[in-house]
Every structure is written in C-alpha cells, then in structure tokens.
Amino acid sequence: MFVRAAQMAVVPYVYGLDYQSAVIEMRTAGLVVANLTPLSCVRVHQLIDATFDCDSFPAGGILTSTLGWGTSVPVGSPVDLTYYDPGQ
C-alpha cells in the first residue's frame, strides 16, 4: 500500500500587513481564510494587548492569526485573521 504524504504550506508572517494583502498572501501559500474579523482599539486592548498603541498601528493591519506564523500545516487548512479597524 502506498500512502501519499500531505502537501504542506508555511503560514506567512502577515502581522501589520493590510488585510487585503494578507488574504492574498495566505491564499498564495495554499491556505483558506475562513474568517476575517475587524477589531476596534478598545477590543484590541481587551482581547489581545492592553498596551497596544492604536495611534501608530496601521488601519487595516493584521493583528492575529489562528495559525502560528512560520508553522507548517496541510495545504487547504483554514485560518482566521483579525485586523485593526479604528472605525469600529
């Protein structure tokens, strides 16, 4: 019996990159962006980092990924991203 190894994708580092470009990077790597969630400054402070500097971070910049940057995962794996939206 022959067992085929799964094709792997490396999760790109997209922190701070605008979310449109980040989605392209993820898709190019072979991943599926399942959810793209905007977070306000208040929500970033509550959920991610109480010391987050909202004034210097780019609007639309990626904050988190459910898959660790640089990790290898099977091609087609779903990934959720959050991005900073000062208008939220």
Protein backbone atom coordinates (compact mmCIF):
# COMPACT_ATOMS: atom_id res chain seq x y z
CA MET A 1 0.00 0.00 0.00
CA PHE A 2 1.24 3.48 -0.90
CA VAL A 3 0.41 6.36 1.44
CA ARG A 4 0.83 9.81 -0.01
CA ALA A 5 2.24 12.50 2.26
CA ALA A 6 0.07 15.57 2.67
CA GLN A 7 1.30 18.68 0.92
CA MET A 8 2.31 21.28 3.46
CA ALA A 9 2.08 25.07 3.50
CA VAL A 10 4.08 27.50 5.61
CA VAL A 11 1.93 30.16 7.30
CA PRO A 12 3.24 33.55 6.14
CA TYR A 13 4.09 36.33 8.60
CA VAL A 14 1.47 38.99 7.87
CA TYR A 15 1.37 40.93 11.16
CA GLY A 16 0.73 44.61 10.40
CA LEU A 17 0.17 43.95 6.70
CA ASP A 18 -3.08 45.37 5.30
CA TYR A 19 -5.78 42.72 5.40
CA GLN A 20 -6.33 42.64 1.63
CA SER A 21 -2.68 41.83 1.03
CA ALA A 22 -2.67 39.35 3.92
CA VAL A 23 -5.56 37.41 2.40
CA ILE A 24 -3.65 37.20 -0.88
CA GLU A 25 -0.52 36.02 0.97
CA MET A 26 -2.48 33.31 2.78
CA ARG A 27 -4.17 32.10 -0.41
CA THR A 28 -0.86 32.12 -2.29
CA ALA A 29 0.61 29.95 0.47
CA GLY A 30 -2.23 27.46 -0.03
CA LEU A 31 -4.36 28.37 2.98
CA VAL A 32 -8.06 29.21 3.17
CA VAL A 33 -9.05 32.40 5.01
CA ALA A 34 -12.19 31.29 6.83
CA ASN A 35 -12.90 34.41 8.90
CA LEU A 36 -11.63 37.99 8.71
CA THR A 37 -12.63 39.92 11.82
CA PRO A 38 -12.19 43.68 12.44
CA LEU A 39 -11.30 44.81 15.96
CA SER A 40 -11.58 48.31 17.42
CA CYS A 41 -8.88 49.78 19.64
CA VAL A 42 -10.99 49.01 22.71
CA ARG A 43 -11.42 45.35 21.64
CA VAL A 44 -7.70 45.01 20.89
CA HIS A 45 -6.96 46.30 24.39
CA GLN A 46 -9.49 43.87 25.89
CA LEU A 47 -8.64 40.76 23.87
CA ILE A 48 -5.03 40.98 22.75
CA ASP A 49 -2.80 43.60 24.36
CA ALA A 50 -3.71 46.24 26.92
CA THR A 51 -0.67 48.29 25.86
CA PHE A 52 -1.41 48.22 22.11
CA ASP A 53 -0.59 51.59 20.50
CA CYS A 54 -3.64 52.33 18.35
CA ASP A 55 -2.17 55.58 17.05
CA SER A 56 0.91 54.02 15.44
CA PHE A 57 -0.56 50.75 14.09
CA PRO A 58 -1.82 50.87 10.50
CA ALA A 59 -5.58 50.84 9.98
CA GLY A 60 -6.49 47.53 8.38
CA GLY A 61 -3.31 45.90 9.66
CA ILE A 62 -3.41 42.23 10.63
CA LEU A 63 -3.26 41.57 14.37
CA THR A 64 -3.66 37.82 14.84
CA SER A 65 -3.86 34.52 13.04
CA THR A 66 -5.25 31.25 14.38
CA LEU A 67 -2.23 29.53 12.82
CA GLY A 68 1.23 30.43 14.06
CA TRP A 69 3.42 32.43 11.70
CA GLY A 70 6.03 30.20 10.10
CA THR A 71 4.41 26.91 11.06
CA SER A 72 3.80 24.12 8.55
CA VAL A 73 0.21 23.00 8.08
CA PRO A 74 -1.58 20.94 5.43
CA VAL A 75 -2.41 22.82 2.23
CA GLY A 76 -6.04 23.95 2.36
CA SER A 77 -6.05 24.50 6.13
CA PRO A 78 -8.46 27.18 7.34
CA VAL A 79 -7.09 30.27 9.04
CA ASP A 80 -8.89 33.08 10.85
CA LEU A 81 -7.40 36.58 10.86
CA THR A 82 -8.16 39.69 12.89
CA TYR A 83 -7.30 43.20 11.77
CA TYR A 84 -7.31 46.64 13.34
CA ASP A 85 -10.27 48.83 12.34
CA PRO A 86 -10.19 52.20 14.11
CA GLY A 87 -13.71 52.92 12.85
CA GLN A 88 -15.27 50.02 14.74
